[in-house]
C-alpha cells in the first residue's frame, strides 16, 4: 500500500510501482514532479537529466524518500533563484514533511543528492542543471540537513537507485543513451511548470 498522505500532496506522490527482478525488491519509479517515501523492503528509482533528486532518510528509523524536481526557467537572469526556487522548496518540504509524519526526526535526517546534468540543449542558456544543483545544496544547508554524498552536474543523465531502509544509493551514468526519453520527459515537465501553480506553504514540524 502507498504511504498515507494528505490530500494536498497526493497529486505529487509517485504511483508507478513494479517488481525489480535485478534487486528482488518491490520498487517505485519517481518521475519529474513526483516524490515517494518508504521504509523496509522498498527500492526507489529515478532517471535524471537536468533535474535534481534528493534522497533523504532518517538514519535511525530507516525510513526515507526521494523527490525529482526542476526549477523552472524564469527567463530573467537577474531574477536568480528568488521566484523559481519556490518549486524546489515545495518539492523538498513535501518530502521532509511526509518523512516527519512517518516518525522521522529532523535531527536524524541526512541527504544524498544527484542530477543537474547539462543535457537539455533547449535550456542550455539558462544552465538549469547548475541552478538546480546550487538550490538543493543551499536548501539543505539552510535546513541543517547534512549532505553525506552527492553526484551533481557533469553532462550525463543518471539512473539512481535508492534503498531507504539502509540509505544505500547506486548511480549509473548513462554515457550512451539510445533514445531521447529522459530529455523529452524533462522538457515536457519544464513546459508544465510554466503554467502550474504551487500550493500554499507546507508546514514543517518535528
N, C-alpha and C. Protein backbone atom coordinates (compact mmCIF):
# COMPACT_ATOMS: atom_id res chain seq x y z
N UNK A 1 0.85 -1.20 0.00
CA UNK A 1 0.00 0.00 0.00
C UNK A 1 0.88 1.25 0.00
N UNK A 2 0.47 2.30 -0.75
CA UNK A 2 1.23 3.56 -0.74
C UNK A 2 1.19 4.18 0.64
N UNK A 3 2.17 4.99 1.00
CA UNK A 3 2.18 5.64 2.30
C UNK A 3 1.03 6.61 2.43
N UNK A 4 0.51 6.77 3.67
CA UNK A 4 -0.57 7.71 3.89
C UNK A 4 -0.08 9.11 3.58
N UNK A 5 -0.94 9.94 3.01
CA UNK A 5 -0.52 11.27 2.60
C UNK A 5 -1.71 12.21 2.60
N UNK A 6 -1.47 13.47 2.97
CA UNK A 6 -2.52 14.47 2.92
C UNK A 6 -3.00 14.63 1.49
N UNK A 7 -4.27 14.94 1.35
CA UNK A 7 -4.85 15.11 0.02
C UNK A 7 -4.10 16.18 -0.78
N UNK A 8 -3.64 17.22 -0.11
CA UNK A 8 -2.96 18.32 -0.80
C UNK A 8 -1.68 17.86 -1.50
N UNK A 9 -1.08 16.78 -1.00
CA UNK A 9 0.17 16.30 -1.56
C UNK A 9 -0.01 15.14 -2.52
N UNK A 10 -1.20 14.54 -2.56
CA UNK A 10 -1.38 13.27 -3.25
C UNK A 10 -1.08 13.36 -4.74
N UNK A 11 -1.28 14.51 -5.36
CA UNK A 11 -1.03 14.62 -6.79
C UNK A 11 0.46 14.51 -7.12
N UNK A 12 1.31 14.69 -6.14
CA UNK A 12 2.76 14.62 -6.38
C UNK A 12 3.36 13.28 -5.98
N UNK A 13 2.55 12.40 -5.41
CA UNK A 13 3.05 11.12 -4.94
C UNK A 13 3.19 10.15 -6.11
N UNK A 14 4.36 9.56 -6.26
CA UNK A 14 4.61 8.63 -7.36
C UNK A 14 3.67 7.42 -7.24
N UNK A 15 3.19 6.95 -8.37
CA UNK A 15 2.25 5.82 -8.39
C UNK A 15 2.73 4.65 -9.23
N UNK A 16 3.88 4.80 -9.88
CA UNK A 16 4.39 3.77 -10.78
C UNK A 16 5.16 2.71 -9.98
N UNK A 17 4.44 1.70 -9.51
CA UNK A 17 5.04 0.62 -8.72
C UNK A 17 5.31 -0.59 -9.61
N UNK A 18 6.39 -1.31 -9.31
CA UNK A 18 6.71 -2.51 -10.07
C UNK A 18 7.63 -3.40 -9.25
N UNK A 19 7.87 -4.60 -9.74
CA UNK A 19 8.79 -5.51 -9.07
C UNK A 19 10.11 -5.49 -9.83
N UNK A 20 11.19 -5.15 -9.13
CA UNK A 20 12.51 -5.09 -9.76
C UNK A 20 13.19 -6.44 -9.60
N UNK A 21 13.32 -7.18 -10.70
CA UNK A 21 13.90 -8.52 -10.66
C UNK A 21 15.40 -8.49 -10.34
N UNK A 22 16.09 -7.45 -10.78
CA UNK A 22 17.53 -7.38 -10.54
C UNK A 22 17.83 -7.33 -9.04
N UNK A 23 17.06 -6.51 -8.32
CA UNK A 23 17.31 -6.34 -6.88
C UNK A 23 16.33 -7.15 -6.03
N UNK A 24 15.45 -7.93 -6.69
CA UNK A 24 14.49 -8.76 -5.96
C UNK A 24 13.73 -7.94 -4.93
N UNK A 25 13.14 -6.84 -5.40
CA UNK A 25 12.52 -5.89 -4.48
C UNK A 25 11.32 -5.19 -5.12
N UNK A 26 10.33 -4.90 -4.29
CA UNK A 26 9.27 -4.01 -4.72
C UNK A 26 9.88 -2.62 -4.94
N UNK A 27 9.46 -1.95 -6.01
CA UNK A 27 10.08 -0.69 -6.36
C UNK A 27 9.05 0.34 -6.81
N UNK A 28 9.45 1.59 -6.76
CA UNK A 28 8.63 2.71 -7.23
C UNK A 28 9.49 3.58 -8.12
N UNK A 29 8.98 3.90 -9.30
CA UNK A 29 9.67 4.80 -10.22
C UNK A 29 9.17 6.22 -9.96
N UNK A 30 10.08 7.12 -9.65
CA UNK A 30 9.74 8.52 -9.34
C UNK A 30 10.01 9.36 -10.58
N UNK A 31 8.96 9.93 -11.13
CA UNK A 31 9.03 10.74 -12.35
C UNK A 31 9.17 12.22 -12.01
N UNK A 32 9.49 13.07 -12.99
CA UNK A 32 9.62 14.51 -12.73
C UNK A 32 8.37 15.09 -12.05
N UNK A 33 8.59 15.84 -10.98
CA UNK A 33 7.49 16.45 -10.24
C UNK A 33 6.90 15.56 -9.18
N UNK A 34 7.46 14.35 -8.98
CA UNK A 34 6.91 13.40 -8.02
C UNK A 34 7.88 13.18 -6.86
N UNK A 35 7.37 12.48 -5.83
CA UNK A 35 8.20 12.05 -4.71
C UNK A 35 7.60 10.77 -4.15
N UNK A 36 8.35 10.09 -3.29
CA UNK A 36 7.82 8.90 -2.62
C UNK A 36 8.61 8.69 -1.33
N UNK A 37 7.95 8.14 -0.33
CA UNK A 37 8.61 7.78 0.92
C UNK A 37 8.36 6.31 1.20
N UNK A 38 9.33 5.65 1.81
CA UNK A 38 9.22 4.22 2.05
C UNK A 38 10.18 3.80 3.14
N UNK A 39 10.04 2.55 3.57
CA UNK A 39 10.93 2.00 4.58
C UNK A 39 11.44 0.65 4.16
N UNK A 40 11.16 -0.34 4.96
CA UNK A 40 11.71 -1.67 4.78
C UNK A 40 11.27 -2.31 3.46
N UNK A 41 12.24 -2.92 2.77
CA UNK A 41 11.94 -3.73 1.61
C UNK A 41 11.52 -2.99 0.36
N UNK A 42 11.83 -1.71 0.25
CA UNK A 42 11.44 -0.94 -0.92
C UNK A 42 12.66 -0.35 -1.61
N UNK A 43 12.51 -0.15 -2.90
CA UNK A 43 13.54 0.48 -3.73
C UNK A 43 12.89 1.64 -4.47
N UNK A 44 13.54 2.80 -4.46
CA UNK A 44 13.05 3.97 -5.19
C UNK A 44 14.01 4.24 -6.34
N UNK A 45 13.46 4.47 -7.52
CA UNK A 45 14.27 4.59 -8.73
C UNK A 45 13.86 5.84 -9.51
N UNK A 46 14.82 6.55 -10.06
CA UNK A 46 14.52 7.66 -10.94
C UNK A 46 15.63 7.82 -11.97
N UNK A 47 15.32 8.51 -13.05
CA UNK A 47 16.30 8.84 -14.08
C UNK A 47 16.34 10.35 -14.21
N UNK A 48 17.54 10.93 -14.08
CA UNK A 48 17.71 12.38 -14.01
C UNK A 48 18.53 12.89 -15.19
N UNK A 49 18.11 14.01 -15.72
CA UNK A 49 18.91 14.75 -16.68
C UNK A 49 19.31 16.05 -16.01
N UNK A 50 18.60 17.14 -16.36
CA UNK A 50 18.84 18.43 -15.72
C UNK A 50 18.19 18.53 -14.35
N UNK A 51 17.22 17.67 -14.10
CA UNK A 51 16.54 17.67 -12.81
C UNK A 51 17.47 17.21 -11.70
N UNK A 52 17.03 17.43 -10.46
CA UNK A 52 17.78 17.01 -9.27
C UNK A 52 16.87 16.13 -8.42
N UNK A 53 17.48 15.16 -7.79
CA UNK A 53 16.77 14.31 -6.84
C UNK A 53 17.49 14.36 -5.50
N UNK A 54 16.70 14.55 -4.44
CA UNK A 54 17.24 14.45 -3.09
C UNK A 54 16.73 13.16 -2.46
N UNK A 55 17.64 12.35 -1.99
CA UNK A 55 17.30 11.13 -1.25
C UNK A 55 17.55 11.44 0.22
N UNK A 56 16.49 11.56 1.00
CA UNK A 56 16.60 11.97 2.39
C UNK A 56 16.07 10.84 3.27
N UNK A 57 16.81 10.54 4.34
CA UNK A 57 16.37 9.47 5.24
C UNK A 57 16.70 9.80 6.68
N UNK A 58 15.95 9.17 7.57
CA UNK A 58 16.26 9.19 8.99
C UNK A 58 17.20 8.02 9.25
N UNK A 59 18.43 8.30 9.60
CA UNK A 59 19.43 7.25 9.73
C UNK A 59 19.16 6.31 10.90
N UNK A 60 18.30 6.71 11.83
CA UNK A 60 17.97 5.85 12.97
C UNK A 60 16.72 5.03 12.71
N UNK A 61 15.72 5.64 12.07
CA UNK A 61 14.44 4.99 11.86
C UNK A 61 14.42 4.10 10.62
N UNK A 62 15.34 4.32 9.68
CA UNK A 62 15.36 3.52 8.47
C UNK A 62 14.22 3.82 7.52
N UNK A 63 13.72 5.04 7.56
CA UNK A 63 12.67 5.47 6.63
C UNK A 63 13.24 6.62 5.80
N UNK A 64 12.91 6.64 4.52
CA UNK A 64 13.46 7.68 3.67
C UNK A 64 12.60 7.93 2.45
N UNK A 65 12.98 8.91 1.67
CA UNK A 65 12.20 9.24 0.49
C UNK A 65 13.05 9.91 -0.57
N UNK A 66 12.48 9.97 -1.75
CA UNK A 66 13.15 10.56 -2.91
C UNK A 66 12.20 11.51 -3.61
N UNK A 67 12.72 12.66 -4.07
CA UNK A 67 11.93 13.54 -4.92
C UNK A 67 12.65 13.70 -6.26
N UNK A 68 12.02 14.42 -7.17
CA UNK A 68 12.58 14.62 -8.52
C UNK A 68 12.01 15.94 -9.00
N UNK A 69 12.85 16.98 -9.06
CA UNK A 69 12.31 18.31 -9.36
C UNK A 69 13.26 19.12 -10.22
N UNK A 70 12.71 20.19 -10.77
CA UNK A 70 13.46 21.15 -11.58
C UNK A 70 12.98 22.55 -11.25
N UNK A 71 13.89 23.50 -11.19
CA UNK A 71 13.50 24.90 -11.09
C UNK A 71 13.09 25.38 -12.48
N UNK A 72 11.93 25.98 -12.61
CA UNK A 72 11.55 26.48 -13.93
C UNK A 72 12.42 27.63 -14.38
N UNK A 73 12.58 27.76 -15.69
CA UNK A 73 13.37 28.85 -16.25
C UNK A 73 12.53 30.11 -16.21
N UNK A 74 12.98 31.13 -15.46
CA UNK A 74 12.21 32.36 -15.33
C UNK A 74 12.39 33.27 -16.54
N UNK A 75 13.47 33.07 -17.28
CA UNK A 75 13.72 33.92 -18.44
C UNK A 75 14.34 35.26 -18.07
N UNK A 76 14.64 35.43 -16.76
CA UNK A 76 15.25 36.68 -16.31
C UNK A 76 16.48 36.34 -15.48
N UNK A 77 17.65 36.65 -16.04
CA UNK A 77 18.88 36.31 -15.34
C UNK A 77 18.97 37.01 -14.00
N UNK A 78 18.46 38.24 -13.93
CA UNK A 78 18.56 38.99 -12.68
C UNK A 78 17.68 38.41 -11.59
N UNK A 79 16.71 37.58 -11.99
CA UNK A 79 15.79 37.00 -11.02
C UNK A 79 16.50 35.99 -10.13
N UNK A 80 17.57 35.37 -10.64
CA UNK A 80 18.28 34.38 -9.86
C UNK A 80 17.37 33.24 -9.45
N UNK A 81 17.43 32.88 -8.16
CA UNK A 81 16.61 31.78 -7.66
C UNK A 81 15.36 32.27 -6.95
N UNK A 82 15.17 33.58 -6.87
CA UNK A 82 14.14 34.13 -6.00
C UNK A 82 12.75 33.60 -6.26
N UNK A 83 12.27 33.65 -7.49
CA UNK A 83 10.90 33.20 -7.76
C UNK A 83 10.83 31.73 -8.12
N UNK A 84 11.81 31.25 -8.89
CA UNK A 84 11.73 29.87 -9.34
C UNK A 84 12.02 28.88 -8.22
N UNK A 85 12.75 29.30 -7.19
CA UNK A 85 13.14 28.37 -6.13
C UNK A 85 11.94 27.84 -5.35
N UNK A 86 10.81 28.51 -5.44
CA UNK A 86 9.65 28.02 -4.69
C UNK A 86 9.25 26.62 -5.16
N UNK A 87 9.52 26.28 -6.41
CA UNK A 87 9.20 24.95 -6.91
C UNK A 87 10.08 23.91 -6.23
N UNK A 88 11.37 24.18 -6.15
CA UNK A 88 12.27 23.28 -5.46
C UNK A 88 11.97 23.20 -3.98
N UNK A 89 11.68 24.35 -3.36
CA UNK A 89 11.37 24.38 -1.93
C UNK A 89 10.13 23.55 -1.64
N UNK A 90 9.14 23.65 -2.50
CA UNK A 90 7.92 22.85 -2.30
C UNK A 90 8.23 21.37 -2.39
N UNK A 91 9.03 20.96 -3.39
CA UNK A 91 9.40 19.56 -3.54
C UNK A 91 10.15 19.05 -2.32
N UNK A 92 11.03 19.88 -1.77
CA UNK A 92 11.80 19.47 -0.60
C UNK A 92 10.92 19.42 0.65
N UNK A 93 10.07 20.42 0.82
CA UNK A 93 9.24 20.49 2.02
C UNK A 93 8.21 19.36 2.08
N UNK A 94 7.62 19.03 0.93
CA UNK A 94 6.66 17.93 0.91
C UNK A 94 7.33 16.63 1.33
N UNK A 95 8.53 16.39 0.83
CA UNK A 95 9.26 15.17 1.18
C UNK A 95 9.61 15.14 2.66
N UNK A 96 10.21 16.20 3.16
CA UNK A 96 10.60 16.23 4.57
C UNK A 96 9.38 16.13 5.48
N UNK A 97 8.32 16.86 5.13
CA UNK A 97 7.10 16.85 5.93
C UNK A 97 6.54 15.44 6.04
N UNK A 98 6.53 14.72 4.93
CA UNK A 98 5.97 13.37 4.93
C UNK A 98 6.83 12.42 5.77
N UNK A 99 8.15 12.57 5.68
CA UNK A 99 9.03 11.73 6.49
C UNK A 99 8.79 11.95 7.98
N UNK A 100 8.60 13.19 8.37
CA UNK A 100 8.36 13.50 9.77
C UNK A 100 7.03 12.91 10.23
N UNK A 101 6.04 12.92 9.36
CA UNK A 101 4.76 12.32 9.72
C UNK A 101 4.89 10.81 9.94
N UNK A 102 5.88 10.21 9.30
CA UNK A 102 6.10 8.77 9.46
C UNK A 102 7.01 8.45 10.64
N UNK A 103 7.39 9.48 11.40
CA UNK A 103 8.17 9.25 12.60
C UNK A 103 9.61 9.68 12.52
N UNK A 104 10.05 10.19 11.39
CA UNK A 104 11.44 10.65 11.27
C UNK A 104 11.65 11.88 12.16
N UNK A 105 12.87 12.03 12.65
CA UNK A 105 13.24 13.19 13.46
C UNK A 105 14.16 14.09 12.64
N UNK A 106 13.91 15.37 12.66
CA UNK A 106 14.72 16.31 11.86
C UNK A 106 16.20 16.20 12.20
N UNK A 107 16.51 16.00 13.45
CA UNK A 107 17.92 15.94 13.86
C UNK A 107 18.64 14.72 13.30
N UNK A 108 17.88 13.72 12.87
CA UNK A 108 18.48 12.48 12.36
C UNK A 108 18.43 12.37 10.85
N UNK A 109 17.99 13.43 10.17
CA UNK A 109 17.90 13.37 8.71
C UNK A 109 19.26 13.59 8.06
N UNK A 110 19.49 12.88 6.97
CA UNK A 110 20.66 13.09 6.14
C UNK A 110 20.26 12.95 4.68
N UNK A 111 21.04 13.53 3.79
CA UNK A 111 20.66 13.59 2.38
C UNK A 111 21.78 13.14 1.46
N UNK A 112 21.37 12.56 0.34
CA UNK A 112 22.26 12.29 -0.78
C UNK A 112 21.59 12.90 -2.00
N UNK A 113 22.34 13.66 -2.80
CA UNK A 113 21.72 14.43 -3.88
C UNK A 113 22.40 14.13 -5.21
N UNK A 114 21.58 14.14 -6.27
CA UNK A 114 22.04 13.70 -7.58
C UNK A 114 21.37 14.50 -8.69
N UNK A 115 22.05 14.53 -9.85
CA UNK A 115 21.46 15.14 -11.03
C UNK A 115 22.09 16.47 -11.41
N UNK A 116 21.31 17.29 -12.08
CA UNK A 116 21.80 18.59 -12.51
C UNK A 116 22.73 18.53 -13.70
N UNK A 117 22.60 17.48 -14.51
CA UNK A 117 23.44 17.36 -15.69
C UNK A 117 23.05 18.34 -16.78
N UNK A 118 23.98 18.73 -17.60
CA UNK A 118 23.71 19.66 -18.70
C UNK A 118 23.32 18.84 -19.94
N UNK A 119 22.07 18.42 -19.96
CA UNK A 119 21.63 17.50 -21.02
C UNK A 119 20.51 18.07 -21.88
N UNK A 120 19.97 19.22 -21.51
CA UNK A 120 18.85 19.79 -22.25
C UNK A 120 19.36 20.98 -23.07
N UNK A 121 19.57 20.76 -24.35
CA UNK A 121 20.13 21.81 -25.21
C UNK A 121 19.23 23.03 -25.25
N UNK A 122 17.91 22.82 -25.20
CA UNK A 122 16.98 23.95 -25.30
C UNK A 122 17.05 24.86 -24.09
N UNK A 123 17.57 24.33 -22.97
CA UNK A 123 17.67 25.14 -21.76
C UNK A 123 19.13 25.45 -21.40
N UNK A 124 20.02 25.22 -22.35
CA UNK A 124 21.45 25.40 -22.07
C UNK A 124 21.78 26.82 -21.65
N UNK A 125 21.07 27.79 -22.24
CA UNK A 125 21.36 29.18 -21.93
C UNK A 125 21.09 29.53 -20.49
N UNK A 126 20.09 28.89 -19.89
CA UNK A 126 19.75 29.19 -18.51
C UNK A 126 20.56 28.34 -17.53
N UNK A 127 21.27 27.31 -18.06
CA UNK A 127 22.08 26.43 -17.23
C UNK A 127 21.26 25.90 -16.06
N UNK A 128 20.10 25.34 -16.39
CA UNK A 128 19.15 24.95 -15.36
C UNK A 128 19.71 23.86 -14.45
N UNK A 129 20.56 22.97 -14.98
CA UNK A 129 21.13 21.93 -14.13
C UNK A 129 22.00 22.52 -13.03
N UNK A 130 22.80 23.52 -13.37
CA UNK A 130 23.64 24.18 -12.37
C UNK A 130 22.79 24.87 -11.32
N UNK A 131 21.72 25.51 -11.74
CA UNK A 131 20.83 26.19 -10.80
C UNK A 131 20.13 25.20 -9.88
N UNK A 132 19.73 24.04 -10.43
CA UNK A 132 19.10 23.01 -9.61
C UNK A 132 20.07 22.50 -8.55
N UNK A 133 21.33 22.26 -8.96
CA UNK A 133 22.33 21.76 -8.02
C UNK A 133 22.62 22.78 -6.92
N UNK A 134 22.74 24.05 -7.31
CA UNK A 134 23.01 25.10 -6.33
C UNK A 134 21.85 25.23 -5.35
N UNK A 135 20.63 25.11 -5.86
CA UNK A 135 19.48 25.23 -4.98
C UNK A 135 19.44 24.13 -3.93
N UNK A 136 19.61 22.86 -4.37
CA UNK A 136 19.45 21.77 -3.41
C UNK A 136 20.53 21.84 -2.33
N UNK A 137 21.74 22.24 -2.70
CA UNK A 137 22.80 22.40 -1.70
C UNK A 137 22.44 23.50 -0.71
N UNK A 138 21.97 24.63 -1.24
CA UNK A 138 21.63 25.77 -0.38
C UNK A 138 20.47 25.43 0.54
N UNK A 139 19.45 24.79 0.00
CA UNK A 139 18.27 24.47 0.80
C UNK A 139 18.64 23.55 1.97
N UNK A 140 19.37 22.49 1.68
CA UNK A 140 19.73 21.54 2.73
C UNK A 140 20.64 22.17 3.78
N UNK A 141 21.53 23.07 3.35
CA UNK A 141 22.38 23.78 4.30
C UNK A 141 21.54 24.65 5.23
N UNK A 142 20.57 25.36 4.67
CA UNK A 142 19.72 26.22 5.49
C UNK A 142 18.87 25.41 6.46
N UNK A 143 18.48 24.20 6.06
CA UNK A 143 17.65 23.35 6.92
C UNK A 143 18.48 22.46 7.85
N UNK A 144 19.81 22.62 7.81
CA UNK A 144 20.71 21.84 8.66
C UNK A 144 20.56 20.34 8.46
N UNK A 145 20.33 19.95 7.21
CA UNK A 145 20.29 18.53 6.85
C UNK A 145 21.59 18.23 6.12
N UNK A 146 22.48 17.46 6.70
CA UNK A 146 23.79 17.24 6.08
C UNK A 146 23.71 16.43 4.79
N UNK A 147 24.52 16.83 3.81
CA UNK A 147 24.66 16.05 2.59
C UNK A 147 25.82 15.09 2.80
N UNK A 148 25.53 13.80 2.81
CA UNK A 148 26.56 12.80 3.09
C UNK A 148 27.14 12.21 1.80
N UNK A 149 26.49 12.47 0.67
CA UNK A 149 27.01 12.03 -0.62
C UNK A 149 26.33 12.83 -1.72
N UNK A 150 27.04 13.07 -2.83
CA UNK A 150 26.43 13.78 -3.94
C UNK A 150 27.11 13.40 -5.25
N UNK A 151 26.34 13.47 -6.31
CA UNK A 151 26.85 13.30 -7.67
C UNK A 151 26.06 14.27 -8.54
N UNK A 152 26.58 15.48 -8.68
CA UNK A 152 25.87 16.57 -9.34
C UNK A 152 26.65 17.09 -10.54
N UNK A 153 25.93 17.77 -11.44
CA UNK A 153 26.49 18.44 -12.61
C UNK A 153 27.02 17.42 -13.62
N UNK A 154 28.02 17.73 -14.39
CA UNK A 154 28.51 16.92 -15.50
C UNK A 154 27.54 17.04 -16.68
N UNK A 155 27.68 16.16 -17.67
CA UNK A 155 26.87 16.28 -18.88
C UNK A 155 26.00 15.04 -19.13
N UNK A 156 25.99 14.10 -18.18
CA UNK A 156 25.30 12.83 -18.43
C UNK A 156 24.00 12.71 -17.63
N UNK A 157 23.01 12.05 -18.22
CA UNK A 157 21.85 11.63 -17.42
C UNK A 157 22.31 10.54 -16.43
N UNK A 158 21.52 10.35 -15.38
CA UNK A 158 21.85 9.36 -14.35
C UNK A 158 20.61 8.54 -14.01
N UNK A 159 20.82 7.28 -13.74
CA UNK A 159 19.77 6.45 -13.16
C UNK A 159 20.16 6.20 -11.71
N UNK A 160 19.23 6.51 -10.80
CA UNK A 160 19.51 6.45 -9.36
C UNK A 160 18.64 5.40 -8.70
N UNK A 161 19.26 4.52 -7.93
CA UNK A 161 18.56 3.50 -7.14
C UNK A 161 18.79 3.83 -5.67
N UNK A 162 17.70 4.01 -4.92
CA UNK A 162 17.79 4.39 -3.50
C UNK A 162 17.06 3.36 -2.65
N UNK A 163 17.78 2.83 -1.66
CA UNK A 163 17.21 1.88 -0.71
C UNK A 163 17.02 2.61 0.62
N UNK A 164 15.80 3.10 0.91
CA UNK A 164 15.59 3.96 2.09
C UNK A 164 15.97 3.31 3.41
N UNK A 165 15.73 2.01 3.55
CA UNK A 165 15.98 1.35 4.83
C UNK A 165 17.45 1.43 5.22
N UNK A 166 18.35 1.17 4.27
CA UNK A 166 19.78 1.18 4.56
C UNK A 166 20.47 2.49 4.21
N UNK A 167 19.83 3.28 3.35
CA UNK A 167 20.44 4.51 2.87
C UNK A 167 21.35 4.31 1.68
N UNK A 168 21.49 3.07 1.23
CA UNK A 168 22.36 2.77 0.09
C UNK A 168 21.82 3.40 -1.19
N UNK A 169 22.72 3.96 -1.98
CA UNK A 169 22.36 4.52 -3.28
C UNK A 169 23.33 4.00 -4.34
N UNK A 170 22.77 3.61 -5.47
CA UNK A 170 23.58 3.22 -6.61
C UNK A 170 23.25 4.17 -7.76
N UNK A 171 24.29 4.68 -8.42
CA UNK A 171 24.10 5.63 -9.52
C UNK A 171 24.76 5.08 -10.78
N UNK A 172 24.01 5.08 -11.84
CA UNK A 172 24.55 4.65 -13.14
C UNK A 172 24.50 5.84 -14.08
N UNK A 173 25.66 6.29 -14.56
CA UNK A 173 25.69 7.37 -15.54
C UNK A 173 25.39 6.80 -16.92
N UNK A 174 24.45 7.41 -17.59
CA UNK A 174 24.02 6.94 -18.90
C UNK A 174 24.86 7.64 -19.96
N UNK A 175 26.06 7.14 -20.16
CA UNK A 175 27.01 7.77 -21.08
C UNK A 175 26.50 7.72 -22.51
N UNK A 176 25.90 6.59 -22.87
CA UNK A 176 25.28 6.46 -24.20
C UNK A 176 23.80 6.19 -24.01
N UNK A 177 22.98 7.07 -24.53
CA UNK A 177 21.53 6.93 -24.41
C UNK A 177 20.96 6.69 -25.79
N UNK A 178 20.25 5.57 -25.94
CA UNK A 178 19.76 5.17 -27.26
C UNK A 178 18.50 5.90 -27.68
N UNK A 179 17.85 6.57 -26.75
CA UNK A 179 16.66 7.34 -27.12
C UNK A 179 16.63 8.64 -26.35
N UNK A 180 15.62 9.45 -26.62
CA UNK A 180 15.54 10.78 -26.02
C UNK A 180 14.52 10.84 -24.89
N UNK A 181 14.18 9.69 -24.31
CA UNK A 181 13.13 9.66 -23.29
C UNK A 181 13.41 10.60 -22.14
N UNK A 182 14.63 10.60 -21.62
CA UNK A 182 14.96 11.43 -20.46
C UNK A 182 14.78 12.90 -20.78
N UNK A 183 15.34 13.34 -21.89
CA UNK A 183 15.25 14.75 -22.27
C UNK A 183 13.81 15.11 -22.60
N UNK A 184 13.12 14.26 -23.34
CA UNK A 184 11.73 14.55 -23.71
C UNK A 184 10.86 14.69 -22.46
N UNK A 185 11.07 13.81 -21.49
CA UNK A 185 10.27 13.83 -20.26
C UNK A 185 10.53 15.12 -19.48
N UNK A 186 11.79 15.54 -19.41
CA UNK A 186 12.10 16.75 -18.66
C UNK A 186 11.65 18.00 -19.40
N UNK A 187 11.70 17.99 -20.73
CA UNK A 187 11.19 19.14 -21.49
C UNK A 187 9.69 19.30 -21.29
N UNK A 188 8.98 18.17 -21.27
CA UNK A 188 7.54 18.23 -21.02
C UNK A 188 7.26 18.74 -19.61
N UNK A 189 8.05 18.30 -18.65
CA UNK A 189 7.93 18.76 -17.27
C UNK A 189 8.20 20.26 -17.19
N UNK A 190 9.23 20.73 -17.89
CA UNK A 190 9.57 22.16 -17.89
C UNK A 190 8.41 22.99 -18.44
N UNK A 191 7.78 22.51 -19.51
CA UNK A 191 6.64 23.23 -20.09
C UNK A 191 5.48 23.27 -19.10
N UNK A 192 5.27 22.15 -18.40
CA UNK A 192 4.18 22.08 -17.44
C UNK A 192 4.37 23.06 -16.30
N UNK A 193 5.63 23.24 -15.87
CA UNK A 193 5.91 24.16 -14.78
C UNK A 193 5.50 25.58 -15.11
N UNK A 194 5.58 25.92 -16.40
CA UNK A 194 5.25 27.28 -16.81
C UNK A 194 3.82 27.68 -16.49
N UNK A 195 2.92 26.70 -16.47
CA UNK A 195 1.52 27.03 -16.22
C UNK A 195 0.98 26.45 -14.94
N UNK A 196 1.88 25.93 -14.09
CA UNK A 196 1.45 25.26 -12.87
C UNK A 196 1.59 26.17 -11.67
N UNK A 197 0.55 26.20 -10.83
CA UNK A 197 0.62 26.98 -9.61
C UNK A 197 1.00 26.07 -8.45
N UNK A 198 1.89 26.57 -7.64
CA UNK A 198 2.32 25.81 -6.47
C UNK A 198 1.34 26.05 -5.33
N UNK A 199 1.05 24.99 -4.59
CA UNK A 199 0.12 25.11 -3.47
C UNK A 199 0.71 25.99 -2.39
N UNK A 200 -0.10 26.21 -1.34
CA UNK A 200 0.34 27.07 -0.25
C UNK A 200 1.52 26.49 0.51
N UNK A 201 1.99 27.24 1.49
CA UNK A 201 3.15 26.82 2.26
C UNK A 201 2.91 25.45 2.90
N UNK A 202 3.93 24.65 2.96
CA UNK A 202 3.89 23.36 3.59
C UNK A 202 4.48 23.49 4.98
N UNK A 203 3.71 23.13 6.00
CA UNK A 203 4.21 23.26 7.36
C UNK A 203 5.19 22.15 7.68
N UNK A 204 6.34 22.52 8.20
CA UNK A 204 7.31 21.57 8.68
C UNK A 204 7.21 21.49 10.20
N UNK A 205 7.25 20.28 10.72
CA UNK A 205 7.13 20.13 12.18
C UNK A 205 8.02 19.00 12.63
N UNK A 206 8.19 18.85 13.92
CA UNK A 206 9.04 17.81 14.50
C UNK A 206 10.13 18.45 15.22
